[in-house]
Amino acid sequence: MRFLLAFLLFPAILSAQVRPIRVLVYHDMEGLAGQNNPFSYRFDHPADYALGRQMLVADINAVITGLFEGGATEVSVIDAHGSGNPEPDIPAGALHPRATQIFRDKPFRGYVDLVEPGRYDAVAAVAMHSKTGSRGFAAHTITLGMALELNGKEITETELVGYSWGRANVPLIFVSGDDRLREDLRVLPWIEFVTTKKATSSSTVELLPVDQVHAEMKAAARRAVQNLGKAQVLRTPSPVTAAVRVVPPANLESLKGFPGIRYGDNKVTFEAADFGAAYDAWMAIITVARSGYSSVMNEMVAAQPNTQAMRLDFSDRLFERWMDYESGRWSPPGPSAPPAGRRYHGSN
């Protein structure tokens, strides 16, 4: 009788054992273990960036090891940093051999364009940073000087990932970053969080023992997969009230009086049909806010001995450009075709 019962239950047991658990891992670079140099996540500082890449490989491979140990059957990695490197921040051949990095033949937005029902079972985020105003190491949201608000609450990029994947009923289960990000995410108690360092300012930290952090990463990632059934999905009702708040030199004053938004004290608030529409609007508003960055360039120009000549030259060139366009002598260049065979990795 016991043999017959075991025989009848075997297919169900086998099915449970081989149930796929597919995890998508986002990585940034500001929340790395052992990192105390704000140039280490910037491609335009080659020597520092090279060390940052080594730290990234160590962090992400520790997490991937833990995910597989916990029962993950597939792990994919997406570059969500945007260091300025035309290649992925993870060097070719350095990724954990069982994991794969996501590439596409056209540019794509990693935070929103990958969201697909049924493709992944969980999402993780490695080397993340806290939100604008939190005084964490390299604290920002999307880009320096911006803060994103969703239904009255400012969110981190980590939460942005969670809400985006919440549209496909996929939970965020693991995060690593500094202690200020841990504070930001205490509202999400099911997440397995590993503190990589303690922030003392936006550019300084107290480091924690790297070997200890990597051991915690493996253990936390393992638990995250094992406790997947207890994870919650981040959702927001539709429509949503969203906002962008900026700090100098970013500036949103040019949007004052623009239809459909409310402006006040360098913050714009608007209504969106759903999270996806809010994301698109956030990105458009951030582009406007970045126009304030030119104030720093203007300060640099003003400090030059030939300031007046430079400004006159700029004014004349601008005037001539208008005249050339009106006369048919100049046309703006069209979009360039992507190079043949180029692969895109997200935050290219």
Protein backbone atom coordinates (compact mmCIF):
# COMPACT_ATOMS: atom_id res chain seq x y z
CA MET A 1 0.00 0.00 0.00
CA ARG A 2 2.83 2.41 0.90
CA PHE A 3 4.57 1.56 -2.36
CA LEU A 4 1.40 2.26 -4.35
CA LEU A 5 0.84 5.58 -2.56
CA ALA A 6 4.44 6.65 -3.21
CA PHE A 7 4.09 5.63 -6.84
CA LEU A 8 0.93 7.70 -7.23
CA LEU A 9 2.44 10.75 -5.52
CA PHE A 10 5.79 10.61 -7.35
CA PRO A 11 4.74 12.76 -10.34
CA ALA A 12 3.50 15.53 -8.01
CA ILE A 13 6.67 15.36 -5.91
CA LEU A 14 8.87 15.47 -9.01
CA SER A 15 6.89 18.42 -10.39
CA ALA A 16 7.36 20.36 -7.15
CA GLN A 17 11.09 19.66 -7.16
CA VAL A 18 11.66 20.93 -10.67
CA ARG A 19 9.33 23.94 -10.53
CA PRO A 20 11.29 26.73 -12.22
CA ILE A 21 12.18 29.78 -10.15
CA ARG A 22 13.39 32.52 -12.46
CA VAL A 23 14.99 35.61 -10.95
CA LEU A 24 15.89 38.86 -12.69
CA VAL A 25 18.73 40.80 -11.02
CA TYR A 26 19.10 44.53 -11.53
CA HIS A 27 22.47 46.01 -10.66
CA ASP A 28 23.56 49.54 -9.97
CA MET A 29 27.05 50.57 -8.82
CA GLU A 30 26.72 53.12 -6.02
CA GLY A 31 25.91 50.59 -3.32
CA LEU A 32 28.90 48.27 -3.68
CA ALA A 33 30.67 46.58 -0.78
CA GLY A 34 34.17 47.95 -0.19
CA GLN A 35 33.40 51.12 -2.15
CA ASN A 36 34.24 54.55 -0.73
CA ASN A 37 35.23 56.39 -3.89
CA PRO A 38 32.50 58.30 -5.78
CA PHE A 39 34.52 58.05 -9.00
CA SER A 40 34.45 54.24 -8.94
CA TYR A 41 31.03 54.10 -10.62
CA ARG A 42 31.91 56.58 -13.40
CA PHE A 43 33.33 55.39 -16.70
CA ASP A 44 35.02 58.75 -17.33
CA HIS A 45 37.46 57.99 -14.47
CA PRO A 46 39.06 54.83 -15.93
CA ALA A 47 41.35 53.75 -13.09
CA ASP A 48 38.72 54.22 -10.39
CA TYR A 49 35.99 52.68 -12.55
CA ALA A 50 38.11 49.58 -13.17
CA LEU A 51 38.20 48.96 -9.41
CA GLY A 52 34.47 49.57 -9.22
CA ARG A 53 33.86 46.90 -11.85
CA GLN A 54 35.84 44.40 -9.79
CA MET A 55 33.69 45.22 -6.75
CA LEU A 56 30.54 44.86 -8.85
CA VAL A 57 31.54 41.42 -10.12
CA ALA A 58 32.27 40.25 -6.57
CA ASP A 59 28.94 41.55 -5.23
CA ILE A 60 26.72 40.30 -7.99
CA ASN A 61 28.33 36.86 -8.22
CA ALA A 62 27.92 36.44 -4.45
CA VAL A 63 24.22 37.22 -4.78
CA ILE A 64 23.77 34.94 -7.79
CA THR A 65 25.46 32.09 -5.90
CA GLY A 66 23.01 32.56 -3.06
CA LEU A 67 20.02 32.67 -5.41
CA PHE A 68 21.00 29.35 -6.98
CA GLU A 69 21.69 27.80 -3.58
CA GLY A 70 18.20 28.86 -2.53
CA GLY A 71 16.59 27.05 -5.44
CA ALA A 72 16.61 29.47 -8.35
CA THR A 73 16.71 27.62 -11.65
CA GLU A 74 17.43 30.63 -13.85
CA VAL A 75 19.09 33.99 -13.09
CA SER A 76 19.23 36.85 -15.58
CA VAL A 77 21.10 40.13 -15.03
CA ILE A 78 20.28 43.60 -16.36
CA ASP A 79 22.64 46.59 -16.24
CA ALA A 80 20.65 49.40 -14.61
CA HIS A 81 23.54 51.72 -13.78
CA GLY A 82 24.46 53.89 -16.74
CA SER A 83 28.14 54.53 -16.04
CA GLY A 84 28.71 55.92 -19.52
CA ASN A 85 30.45 52.74 -20.64
CA PRO A 86 29.26 51.64 -24.10
CA GLU A 87 29.81 48.09 -22.85
CA PRO A 88 28.16 46.49 -19.80
CA ASP A 89 29.61 47.37 -16.42
CA ILE A 90 30.18 43.66 -15.82
CA PRO A 91 33.18 42.71 -18.01
CA ALA A 92 32.69 39.97 -20.57
CA GLY A 93 33.30 36.55 -19.08
CA ALA A 94 33.21 37.75 -15.46
CA LEU A 95 29.57 36.94 -14.69
CA HIS A 96 28.68 33.78 -12.73
CA PRO A 97 28.73 30.94 -15.31
CA ARG A 98 25.13 29.86 -14.63
CA ALA A 99 23.72 33.38 -15.04
CA THR A 100 23.03 35.26 -18.26
CA GLN A 101 23.12 38.96 -19.05
CA ILE A 102 20.26 40.51 -20.99
CA PHE A 103 21.07 41.99 -24.39
CA ARG A 104 18.80 43.26 -27.16
CA ASP A 105 19.42 44.49 -30.69
CA LYS A 106 17.65 47.81 -30.02
CA PRO A 107 17.83 50.32 -27.15
CA PHE A 108 15.44 49.54 -24.31
CA ARG A 109 14.50 50.84 -20.86
CA GLY A 110 15.45 48.28 -18.28
CA TYR A 111 13.05 49.44 -15.59
CA VAL A 112 9.89 49.18 -17.69
CA ASP A 113 10.44 47.48 -21.05
CA LEU A 114 11.36 44.08 -19.59
CA VAL A 115 8.15 43.77 -17.57
CA GLU A 116 6.31 40.76 -18.94
CA PRO A 117 3.78 38.55 -17.18
CA GLY A 118 5.01 35.01 -16.60
CA ARG A 119 8.64 35.65 -17.56
CA TYR A 120 10.16 35.91 -14.06
CA ASP A 121 9.11 34.80 -10.60
CA ALA A 122 11.07 37.35 -8.58
CA VAL A 123 13.30 40.39 -8.91
CA ALA A 124 16.45 41.32 -6.97
CA ALA A 125 18.46 44.55 -6.88
CA VAL A 126 22.21 44.74 -6.16
CA ALA A 127 24.45 47.72 -5.28
CA MET A 128 21.56 50.16 -5.08
CA HIS A 129 21.53 53.65 -3.51
CA SER A 130 19.17 55.67 -1.34
CA LYS A 131 16.85 58.39 -2.59
CA THR A 132 17.51 62.10 -3.07
CA GLY A 133 17.67 63.92 0.25
CA SER A 134 18.48 60.82 2.34
CA ARG A 135 22.16 61.73 2.73
CA GLY A 136 23.20 58.30 1.59
CA PHE A 137 26.29 57.58 -0.50
CA ALA A 138 25.61 59.00 -3.99
CA ALA A 139 21.95 59.46 -3.00
CA HIS A 140 19.72 60.21 -5.99
CA THR A 141 16.80 58.90 -7.97
CA ILE A 142 17.34 58.14 -11.69
CA THR A 143 19.87 60.98 -11.90
CA LEU A 144 21.46 63.50 -9.54
CA GLY A 145 19.19 66.11 -8.05
CA MET A 146 15.85 64.41 -8.78
CA ALA A 147 13.22 62.97 -6.44
CA LEU A 148 10.26 60.93 -7.65
CA GLU A 149 6.97 60.89 -5.78
CA LEU A 150 4.19 58.32 -6.12
CA ASN A 151 0.84 58.97 -4.45
CA GLY A 152 2.34 61.37 -1.93
CA LYS A 153 5.47 59.33 -1.08
CA GLU A 154 8.96 59.82 -2.44
CA ILE A 155 10.36 56.51 -3.68
CA THR A 156 13.78 55.04 -4.32
CA GLU A 157 14.91 53.52 -7.60
CA THR A 158 14.62 50.18 -5.84
CA GLU A 159 10.93 50.81 -5.21
CA LEU A 160 10.61 51.97 -8.82
CA VAL A 161 11.75 48.48 -9.83
CA GLY A 162 9.30 46.91 -7.40
CA TYR A 163 6.29 48.92 -8.55
CA SER A 164 7.15 48.38 -12.19
CA TRP A 165 7.31 44.59 -11.78
CA GLY A 166 4.24 44.70 -9.55
CA ARG A 167 2.30 45.30 -12.77
CA ALA A 168 3.18 41.69 -13.69
CA ASN A 169 2.57 40.35 -10.17
CA VAL A 170 6.32 39.78 -9.57
CA PRO A 171 7.77 40.55 -6.11
CA LEU A 172 11.05 42.23 -5.21
CA ILE A 173 12.82 39.85 -2.81
CA PHE A 174 16.45 40.97 -2.29
CA VAL A 175 18.30 44.32 -2.13
CA SER A 176 21.81 45.41 -1.21
CA GLY A 177 23.05 48.94 -0.55
CA ASP A 178 24.11 51.34 2.20
CA ASP A 179 22.45 51.86 5.59
CA ARG A 180 20.45 54.86 4.38
CA LEU A 181 18.80 52.72 1.72
CA ARG A 182 17.97 50.17 4.41
CA GLU A 183 16.11 52.95 6.25
CA ASP A 184 14.31 53.94 3.03
CA LEU A 185 13.11 50.35 2.55
CA ARG A 186 11.95 49.52 6.07
CA VAL A 187 8.42 49.91 4.70
CA LEU A 188 9.06 46.67 2.75
CA PRO A 189 9.84 44.22 5.60
CA TRP A 190 9.74 41.03 3.52
CA ILE A 191 12.80 42.06 1.48
CA GLU A 192 16.08 40.40 2.38
CA PHE A 193 18.34 43.46 2.71
CA VAL A 194 22.14 43.41 3.08
CA THR A 195 23.89 46.58 4.27
CA THR A 196 27.13 47.02 2.33
CA LYS A 197 28.46 50.13 4.13
CA LYS A 198 27.47 53.03 6.37
CA ALA A 199 27.08 56.40 4.66
CA THR A 200 28.59 59.45 6.38
CA SER A 201 27.83 61.84 3.48
CA SER A 202 26.97 61.69 -0.19
CA SER A 203 30.65 60.96 -0.96
CA THR A 204 32.04 59.29 2.18
CA VAL A 205 31.30 56.04 4.02
CA GLU A 206 32.42 53.75 6.80
CA LEU A 207 33.27 50.44 5.17
CA LEU A 208 32.21 47.06 6.51
CA PRO A 209 34.37 43.92 6.13
CA VAL A 210 33.87 42.90 2.52
CA ASP A 211 34.14 39.14 3.11
CA GLN A 212 31.49 39.43 5.80
CA VAL A 213 29.19 41.39 3.48
CA HIS A 214 29.58 38.83 0.70
CA ALA A 215 28.77 35.99 3.10
CA GLU A 216 25.64 37.88 4.17
CA MET A 217 24.72 38.42 0.53
CA LYS A 218 24.85 34.70 -0.22
CA ALA A 219 22.84 33.81 2.86
CA ALA A 220 20.22 36.54 2.31
CA ALA A 221 19.80 35.71 -1.38
CA ARG A 222 19.38 32.04 -0.45
CA ARG A 223 16.67 32.92 2.09
CA ALA A 224 14.98 35.26 -0.37
CA VAL A 225 14.36 32.42 -2.81
CA GLN A 226 13.42 29.92 -0.11
CA ASN A 227 10.87 32.38 1.30
CA LEU A 228 9.54 33.47 -2.08
CA GLY A 229 6.02 32.45 -1.11
CA LYS A 230 6.01 35.04 1.69
CA ALA A 231 7.10 37.95 -0.52
CA GLN A 232 4.61 40.68 -1.29
CA VAL A 233 4.03 42.40 -4.61
CA LEU A 234 4.28 46.18 -4.78
CA ARG A 235 1.19 47.61 -6.42
CA THR A 236 -0.27 51.06 -6.81
CA PRO A 237 -3.89 51.78 -7.74
CA SER A 238 -4.72 53.56 -10.99
CA PRO A 239 -4.90 56.41 -11.74
CA VAL A 240 -1.90 57.74 -9.80
CA THR A 241 -0.77 61.10 -8.51
CA ALA A 242 2.92 61.56 -9.28
CA ALA A 243 5.48 64.30 -8.83
CA VAL A 244 9.08 65.24 -9.52
CA ARG A 245 10.96 67.38 -7.02
CA VAL A 246 14.40 68.67 -7.92
CA VAL A 247 17.30 70.29 -6.10
CA PRO A 248 19.77 72.79 -7.59
CA PRO A 249 21.26 73.02 -10.09
CA ALA A 250 18.33 71.09 -11.63
CA ASN A 251 15.39 73.41 -12.18
CA LEU A 252 11.71 73.05 -13.07
CA GLU A 253 10.63 76.68 -12.94
CA SER A 254 10.17 76.73 -16.73
CA LEU A 255 7.13 74.43 -16.25
CA LYS A 256 5.30 76.94 -14.06
CA GLY A 257 1.88 77.45 -15.62
CA PHE A 258 2.20 74.49 -17.98
CA PRO A 259 -1.23 72.84 -18.54
CA GLY A 260 -1.87 69.61 -16.67
CA ILE A 261 0.68 70.08 -13.89
CA ARG A 262 0.88 71.89 -10.58
CA TYR A 263 4.14 73.72 -9.89
CA GLY A 264 5.56 74.96 -6.64
CA ASP A 265 9.03 75.32 -5.15
CA ASN A 266 10.84 73.35 -7.88
CA LYS A 267 8.31 70.53 -7.77
CA VAL A 268 5.70 69.53 -10.35
CA THR A 269 2.72 67.29 -9.58
CA PHE A 270 0.50 65.61 -12.15
CA GLU A 271 -2.08 62.86 -12.60
CA ALA A 272 -1.32 59.77 -14.70
CA ALA A 273 -3.54 56.95 -15.92
CA ASP A 274 -1.26 54.28 -14.42
CA PHE A 275 2.28 53.58 -13.29
CA GLY A 276 3.58 53.22 -16.86
CA ALA A 277 2.22 56.63 -17.86
CA ALA A 278 3.69 58.15 -14.69
CA TYR A 279 7.11 56.70 -15.55
CA ASP A 280 7.05 58.22 -19.03
CA ALA A 281 6.09 61.60 -17.59
CA TRP A 282 8.81 61.38 -14.92
CA MET A 283 11.45 60.84 -17.60
CA ALA A 284 10.18 63.76 -19.70
CA ILE A 285 10.14 66.09 -16.70
CA ILE A 286 13.63 65.01 -15.66
CA THR A 287 14.85 65.99 -19.14
CA VAL A 288 13.41 69.46 -18.59
CA ALA A 289 14.94 69.68 -15.11
CA ARG A 290 18.38 68.87 -16.49
CA SER A 291 18.32 72.14 -18.43
CA GLY A 292 19.27 73.74 -15.13
CA TYR A 293 22.61 71.95 -15.28
CA SER A 294 23.73 74.55 -17.83
CA SER A 295 24.01 77.07 -14.97
CA VAL A 296 27.22 75.31 -13.91
CA MET A 297 28.61 75.65 -17.44
CA ASN A 298 27.63 79.33 -17.44
CA GLU A 299 29.60 79.80 -14.22
CA MET A 300 32.62 78.19 -15.84
CA VAL A 301 32.32 80.39 -18.92
CA ALA A 302 31.91 83.49 -16.78
CA ALA A 303 35.23 82.71 -15.08
CA GLN A 304 37.16 82.73 -18.39
CA PRO A 305 39.10 85.82 -19.48
CA ASN A 306 37.36 85.87 -22.89
CA THR A 307 33.83 85.53 -21.57
CA GLN A 308 32.32 88.35 -23.60
CA ALA A 309 33.82 87.06 -26.87
CA MET A 310 32.56 83.52 -26.17
CA ARG A 311 29.05 84.75 -25.47
CA LEU A 312 29.00 86.90 -28.60
CA ASP A 313 30.25 83.96 -30.67
CA PHE A 314 27.50 81.73 -29.24
CA SER A 315 24.83 84.37 -29.96
CA ASP A 316 26.03 84.79 -33.56
CA ARG A 317 26.16 81.04 -34.18
CA LEU A 318 22.67 80.58 -32.80
CA PHE A 319 21.35 83.39 -35.00
CA GLU A 320 23.07 81.94 -38.08
CA ARG A 321 21.68 78.49 -37.35
CA TRP A 322 18.13 79.86 -37.40
CA MET A 323 18.78 81.76 -40.60
CA ASP A 324 20.34 78.71 -42.26
CA TYR A 325 17.35 76.57 -41.34
CA GLU A 326 14.85 79.13 -42.61
CA SER A 327 16.83 79.43 -45.84
CA GLY A 328 17.07 75.69 -46.37
CA ARG A 329 20.85 75.67 -45.98
CA TRP A 330 20.79 73.45 -42.88
CA SER A 331 18.63 70.62 -41.58
CA PRO A 332 18.89 68.87 -38.23
CA PRO A 333 20.49 65.45 -38.52
CA GLY A 334 18.06 62.55 -38.47
CA PRO A 335 18.32 59.63 -36.10
CA SER A 336 21.38 57.57 -36.83
CA ALA A 337 20.96 53.88 -37.52
CA PRO A 338 22.40 51.63 -34.82
CA PRO A 339 25.73 50.06 -35.78
CA ALA A 340 25.33 46.64 -37.33
CA GLY A 341 25.65 43.90 -34.76
CA ARG A 342 25.59 46.18 -31.75
CA ARG A 343 24.00 44.74 -28.62
CA TYR A 344 22.23 46.90 -26.04
CA HIS A 345 22.40 46.06 -22.37
CA GLY A 346 19.89 48.43 -20.76
CA SER A 347 21.57 51.53 -19.34
CA ASN A 348 23.95 51.85 -22.28
